[in-house]
Amino acid sequence: MSMETKARFNWLRIVGCILVAIGFLWLVAVQFTIRPMSAAVFSKQLTSLEQNETYTSSEVRERVFSATNELADRIPTILFPAIIMLAGAMLLDKSARNSGSPNQPPSTE
């Protein structure tokens, strides 16, 4: 295998690792934002309630529906970081398949 080919597969491996890391960090950031976001939505819903002792089932349904819709609109999607991680994994797979045996580390020669 020529030096240019080895360099190309090393480049693919580096880019693949970076993409997987970016996607993973994005997913972690999303997980840390969901809890405060849901707390804010439900706090807003609670403060907008009138102080009655009883509520009708239609009022409860309306509040639950409103809270879940607002929460669903605010939660970020995981599609984009998942696609980034998939692309990184595909690059890592391609570099491993073309650089030789996957059980041996690449030589630095």
N, C-alpha and C. Protein backbone atom coordinates (compact mmCIF):
# COMPACT_ATOMS: atom_id res chain seq x y z
N MET A 1 0.85 -1.16 0.00
CA MET A 1 0.00 0.00 0.00
C MET A 1 0.90 1.24 0.00
N SER A 2 0.58 2.20 -0.85
CA SER A 2 1.42 3.38 -0.98
C SER A 2 1.22 4.33 0.20
N MET A 3 2.13 5.25 0.34
CA MET A 3 2.06 6.24 1.43
C MET A 3 0.84 7.14 1.27
N GLU A 4 0.50 7.46 0.00
CA GLU A 4 -0.67 8.31 -0.24
C GLU A 4 -1.94 7.62 0.21
N THR A 5 -2.04 6.34 -0.04
CA THR A 5 -3.22 5.58 0.37
C THR A 5 -3.31 5.50 1.88
N LYS A 6 -2.18 5.25 2.55
CA LYS A 6 -2.17 5.20 4.02
C LYS A 6 -2.56 6.55 4.61
N ALA A 7 -2.05 7.62 4.01
CA ALA A 7 -2.37 8.97 4.50
C ALA A 7 -3.86 9.25 4.33
N ARG A 8 -4.42 8.78 3.21
CA ARG A 8 -5.85 8.99 2.97
C ARG A 8 -6.68 8.26 4.01
N PHE A 9 -6.32 7.04 4.34
CA PHE A 9 -7.09 6.29 5.33
C PHE A 9 -6.88 6.85 6.73
N ASN A 10 -5.71 7.38 7.04
CA ASN A 10 -5.50 8.04 8.32
C ASN A 10 -6.37 9.30 8.41
N TRP A 11 -6.47 10.03 7.30
CA TRP A 11 -7.31 11.21 7.25
C TRP A 11 -8.78 10.83 7.46
N LEU A 12 -9.24 9.75 6.81
CA LEU A 12 -10.61 9.27 7.01
C LEU A 12 -10.85 8.89 8.46
N ARG A 13 -9.88 8.25 9.07
CA ARG A 13 -10.01 7.83 10.48
C ARG A 13 -10.12 9.06 11.39
N ILE A 14 -9.31 10.06 11.14
CA ILE A 14 -9.35 11.28 11.96
C ILE A 14 -10.69 11.99 11.81
N VAL A 15 -11.13 12.17 10.58
CA VAL A 15 -12.42 12.84 10.33
C VAL A 15 -13.56 12.02 10.93
N GLY A 16 -13.51 10.71 10.79
CA GLY A 16 -14.55 9.85 11.36
C GLY A 16 -14.62 9.98 12.87
N CYS A 17 -13.48 9.98 13.53
CA CYS A 17 -13.46 10.13 14.99
C CYS A 17 -13.99 11.49 15.41
N ILE A 18 -13.64 12.53 14.68
CA ILE A 18 -14.13 13.87 15.00
C ILE A 18 -15.64 13.94 14.84
N LEU A 19 -16.17 13.36 13.76
CA LEU A 19 -17.62 13.39 13.55
C LEU A 19 -18.37 12.61 14.63
N VAL A 20 -17.85 11.46 15.00
CA VAL A 20 -18.49 10.68 16.07
C VAL A 20 -18.46 11.46 17.38
N ALA A 21 -17.34 12.10 17.68
CA ALA A 21 -17.22 12.87 18.92
C ALA A 21 -18.17 14.08 18.92
N ILE A 22 -18.26 14.79 17.79
CA ILE A 22 -19.17 15.93 17.70
C ILE A 22 -20.61 15.49 17.88
N GLY A 23 -21.00 14.42 17.22
CA GLY A 23 -22.37 13.92 17.36
C GLY A 23 -22.68 13.50 18.78
N PHE A 24 -21.73 12.84 19.42
CA PHE A 24 -21.94 12.39 20.80
C PHE A 24 -22.05 13.58 21.74
N LEU A 25 -21.16 14.56 21.60
CA LEU A 25 -21.22 15.74 22.46
C LEU A 25 -22.52 16.52 22.25
N TRP A 26 -23.00 16.57 21.01
CA TRP A 26 -24.27 17.22 20.71
C TRP A 26 -25.41 16.52 21.43
N LEU A 27 -25.41 15.18 21.39
CA LEU A 27 -26.44 14.42 22.10
C LEU A 27 -26.38 14.64 23.60
N VAL A 28 -25.19 14.71 24.15
CA VAL A 28 -25.04 14.98 25.59
C VAL A 28 -25.59 16.36 25.92
N ALA A 29 -25.29 17.35 25.09
CA ALA A 29 -25.80 18.70 25.32
C ALA A 29 -27.32 18.73 25.27
N VAL A 30 -27.90 17.98 24.34
CA VAL A 30 -29.37 17.91 24.25
C VAL A 30 -29.95 17.32 25.52
N GLN A 31 -29.31 16.30 26.05
CA GLN A 31 -29.81 15.67 27.28
C GLN A 31 -29.77 16.63 28.46
N PHE A 32 -28.77 17.48 28.51
CA PHE A 32 -28.69 18.44 29.61
C PHE A 32 -29.67 19.59 29.47
N THR A 33 -30.21 19.82 28.27
CA THR A 33 -31.17 20.91 28.09
C THR A 33 -32.61 20.47 28.27
N ILE A 34 -32.88 19.17 28.18
CA ILE A 34 -34.28 18.71 28.24
C ILE A 34 -34.89 18.94 29.61
N ARG A 35 -34.17 18.63 30.67
CA ARG A 35 -34.74 18.76 32.02
C ARG A 35 -35.10 20.21 32.37
N PRO A 36 -34.20 21.18 32.20
CA PRO A 36 -34.59 22.57 32.50
C PRO A 36 -35.72 23.07 31.59
N MET A 37 -35.72 22.61 30.34
CA MET A 37 -36.75 23.01 29.42
C MET A 37 -38.12 22.51 29.87
N SER A 38 -38.18 21.25 30.28
CA SER A 38 -39.46 20.69 30.73
C SER A 38 -39.89 21.34 32.04
N ALA A 39 -38.95 21.65 32.91
CA ALA A 39 -39.30 22.33 34.16
C ALA A 39 -39.88 23.70 33.87
N ALA A 40 -39.34 24.42 32.92
CA ALA A 40 -39.85 25.74 32.57
C ALA A 40 -41.27 25.66 31.99
N VAL A 41 -41.50 24.67 31.15
CA VAL A 41 -42.83 24.51 30.55
C VAL A 41 -43.87 24.19 31.62
N PHE A 42 -43.56 23.25 32.48
CA PHE A 42 -44.54 22.85 33.49
C PHE A 42 -44.71 23.93 34.56
N SER A 43 -43.67 24.68 34.85
CA SER A 43 -43.79 25.80 35.79
C SER A 43 -44.71 26.87 35.20
N LYS A 44 -44.56 27.14 33.92
CA LYS A 44 -45.44 28.12 33.25
C LYS A 44 -46.89 27.65 33.29
N GLN A 45 -47.09 26.35 33.06
CA GLN A 45 -48.45 25.81 33.09
C GLN A 45 -49.05 25.90 34.49
N LEU A 46 -48.26 25.63 35.50
CA LEU A 46 -48.76 25.68 36.88
C LEU A 46 -49.11 27.10 37.31
N THR A 47 -48.30 28.06 36.91
CA THR A 47 -48.58 29.44 37.32
C THR A 47 -49.79 30.02 36.60
N SER A 48 -50.13 29.46 35.46
CA SER A 48 -51.29 29.97 34.73
C SER A 48 -52.61 29.34 35.21
N LEU A 49 -52.53 28.37 36.10
CA LEU A 49 -53.75 27.75 36.63
C LEU A 49 -54.43 28.67 37.64
N GLU A 50 -55.74 28.65 37.61
CA GLU A 50 -56.50 29.36 38.63
C GLU A 50 -56.52 28.51 39.88
N GLN A 51 -56.64 29.14 41.03
CA GLN A 51 -56.56 28.42 42.30
C GLN A 51 -57.93 27.84 42.70
N ASN A 52 -58.46 26.95 41.91
CA ASN A 52 -59.69 26.24 42.24
C ASN A 52 -59.34 24.97 43.00
N GLU A 53 -60.27 24.50 43.75
CA GLU A 53 -60.04 23.22 44.44
C GLU A 53 -60.35 22.04 43.53
N THR A 54 -61.22 22.24 42.59
CA THR A 54 -61.57 21.16 41.67
C THR A 54 -61.49 21.67 40.24
N TYR A 55 -61.21 20.74 39.35
CA TYR A 55 -61.14 21.05 37.93
C TYR A 55 -61.95 20.01 37.18
N THR A 56 -62.55 20.43 36.09
CA THR A 56 -63.29 19.47 35.28
C THR A 56 -62.29 18.66 34.46
N SER A 57 -62.75 17.54 33.98
CA SER A 57 -61.85 16.69 33.17
C SER A 57 -61.45 17.38 31.89
N SER A 58 -62.31 18.20 31.32
CA SER A 58 -61.94 18.92 30.09
C SER A 58 -60.86 19.96 30.37
N GLU A 59 -60.89 20.62 31.55
CA GLU A 59 -59.83 21.57 31.91
C GLU A 59 -58.50 20.85 32.10
N VAL A 60 -58.53 19.69 32.73
CA VAL A 60 -57.30 18.92 32.94
C VAL A 60 -56.74 18.46 31.60
N ARG A 61 -57.62 17.94 30.74
CA ARG A 61 -57.18 17.51 29.41
C ARG A 61 -56.57 18.66 28.62
N GLU A 62 -57.18 19.82 28.70
CA GLU A 62 -56.69 20.99 27.98
C GLU A 62 -55.30 21.39 28.48
N ARG A 63 -55.09 21.39 29.79
CA ARG A 63 -53.79 21.76 30.36
C ARG A 63 -52.71 20.73 30.01
N VAL A 64 -53.06 19.46 30.09
CA VAL A 64 -52.08 18.42 29.75
C VAL A 64 -51.73 18.49 28.28
N PHE A 65 -52.72 18.67 27.43
CA PHE A 65 -52.48 18.78 25.99
C PHE A 65 -51.62 20.00 25.69
N SER A 66 -51.91 21.12 26.33
CA SER A 66 -51.14 22.34 26.11
C SER A 66 -49.69 22.16 26.56
N ALA A 67 -49.50 21.54 27.72
CA ALA A 67 -48.13 21.34 28.23
C ALA A 67 -47.34 20.39 27.33
N THR A 68 -47.95 19.30 26.90
CA THR A 68 -47.21 18.35 26.07
C THR A 68 -46.90 18.94 24.70
N ASN A 69 -47.81 19.72 24.14
CA ASN A 69 -47.53 20.36 22.85
C ASN A 69 -46.40 21.37 22.96
N GLU A 70 -46.43 22.17 24.02
CA GLU A 70 -45.37 23.16 24.20
C GLU A 70 -44.02 22.48 24.43
N LEU A 71 -44.02 21.42 25.18
CA LEU A 71 -42.78 20.69 25.43
C LEU A 71 -42.27 20.03 24.14
N ALA A 72 -43.16 19.45 23.37
CA ALA A 72 -42.76 18.81 22.12
C ALA A 72 -42.19 19.82 21.13
N ASP A 73 -42.71 21.05 21.16
CA ASP A 73 -42.19 22.09 20.26
C ASP A 73 -40.81 22.57 20.66
N ARG A 74 -40.46 22.45 21.94
CA ARG A 74 -39.19 22.98 22.43
C ARG A 74 -38.06 21.96 22.46
N ILE A 75 -38.37 20.69 22.53
CA ILE A 75 -37.31 19.68 22.64
C ILE A 75 -36.57 19.56 21.31
N PRO A 76 -35.25 19.69 21.34
CA PRO A 76 -34.49 19.60 20.10
C PRO A 76 -34.48 18.17 19.55
N THR A 77 -34.32 18.07 18.27
CA THR A 77 -34.30 16.76 17.62
C THR A 77 -32.92 16.12 17.74
N ILE A 78 -32.90 14.81 17.73
CA ILE A 78 -31.61 14.11 17.78
C ILE A 78 -31.24 13.58 16.39
N LEU A 79 -32.00 13.95 15.39
CA LEU A 79 -31.74 13.44 14.04
C LEU A 79 -30.39 13.92 13.51
N PHE A 80 -30.08 15.19 13.66
CA PHE A 80 -28.84 15.73 13.09
C PHE A 80 -27.59 15.16 13.76
N PRO A 81 -27.52 15.11 15.11
CA PRO A 81 -26.33 14.48 15.68
C PRO A 81 -26.24 13.00 15.35
N ALA A 82 -27.38 12.33 15.21
CA ALA A 82 -27.35 10.91 14.85
C ALA A 82 -26.79 10.72 13.44
N ILE A 83 -27.17 11.59 12.52
CA ILE A 83 -26.65 11.51 11.15
C ILE A 83 -25.14 11.80 11.13
N ILE A 84 -24.70 12.76 11.94
CA ILE A 84 -23.27 13.08 12.01
C ILE A 84 -22.50 11.88 12.55
N MET A 85 -23.03 11.23 13.60
CA MET A 85 -22.36 10.05 14.15
C MET A 85 -22.34 8.91 13.15
N LEU A 86 -23.43 8.73 12.41
CA LEU A 86 -23.49 7.68 11.39
C LEU A 86 -22.44 7.93 10.30
N ALA A 87 -22.32 9.17 9.86
CA ALA A 87 -21.32 9.49 8.84
C ALA A 87 -19.91 9.22 9.36
N GLY A 88 -19.65 9.58 10.61
CA GLY A 88 -18.34 9.31 11.20
C GLY A 88 -18.06 7.83 11.31
N ALA A 89 -19.07 7.06 11.72
CA ALA A 89 -18.90 5.61 11.82
C ALA A 89 -18.65 4.98 10.45
N MET A 90 -19.32 5.49 9.42
CA MET A 90 -19.10 4.96 8.08
C MET A 90 -17.69 5.25 7.59
N LEU A 91 -17.18 6.46 7.92
CA LEU A 91 -15.79 6.77 7.54
C LEU A 91 -14.80 5.89 8.30
N LEU A 92 -15.06 5.66 9.58
CA LEU A 92 -14.19 4.77 10.35
C LEU A 92 -14.22 3.36 9.79
N ASP A 93 -15.39 2.89 9.40
CA ASP A 93 -15.51 1.55 8.82
C ASP A 93 -14.76 1.47 7.50
N LYS A 94 -14.91 2.48 6.66
CA LYS A 94 -14.22 2.46 5.37
C LYS A 94 -12.71 2.48 5.56
N SER A 95 -12.22 3.28 6.50
CA SER A 95 -10.77 3.34 6.71
C SER A 95 -10.26 2.03 7.30
N ALA A 96 -11.04 1.38 8.14
CA ALA A 96 -10.61 0.10 8.72
C ALA A 96 -10.62 -1.01 7.68
N ARG A 97 -11.60 -1.03 6.81
CA ARG A 97 -11.68 -2.09 5.78
C ARG A 97 -10.57 -1.98 4.76
N ASN A 98 -10.20 -0.76 4.42
CA ASN A 98 -9.21 -0.57 3.36
C ASN A 98 -7.78 -0.46 3.85
N SER A 99 -7.57 -0.35 5.16
CA SER A 99 -6.20 -0.18 5.63
C SER A 99 -5.56 -1.49 6.04
N GLY A 100 -6.28 -2.59 5.96
CA GLY A 100 -5.70 -3.88 6.30
C GLY A 100 -6.57 -4.59 7.32
N SER A 101 -5.92 -5.40 8.12
CA SER A 101 -6.65 -6.17 9.12
C SER A 101 -7.21 -5.26 10.21
N PRO A 102 -8.50 -5.42 10.56
CA PRO A 102 -9.06 -4.56 11.61
C PRO A 102 -8.54 -4.89 13.00
N ASN A 103 -7.88 -6.03 13.16
CA ASN A 103 -7.37 -6.42 14.49
C ASN A 103 -5.99 -5.88 14.76
N GLN A 104 -5.33 -5.38 13.75
CA GLN A 104 -3.98 -4.86 13.93
C GLN A 104 -4.01 -3.33 13.80
N PRO A 105 -3.27 -2.64 14.66
CA PRO A 105 -3.21 -1.19 14.51
C PRO A 105 -2.44 -0.83 13.23
N PRO A 106 -2.74 0.31 12.64
CA PRO A 106 -2.02 0.68 11.42
C PRO A 106 -0.56 0.95 11.73
N SER A 107 0.28 0.58 10.81
CA SER A 107 1.72 0.78 11.01
C SER A 107 2.06 2.22 10.73
N THR A 108 3.10 2.70 11.37
CA THR A 108 3.54 4.08 11.19
C THR A 108 4.69 4.20 10.22
N GLU A 109 4.94 3.16 9.50
CA GLU A 109 6.06 3.13 8.55
C GLU A 109 5.78 3.99 7.36
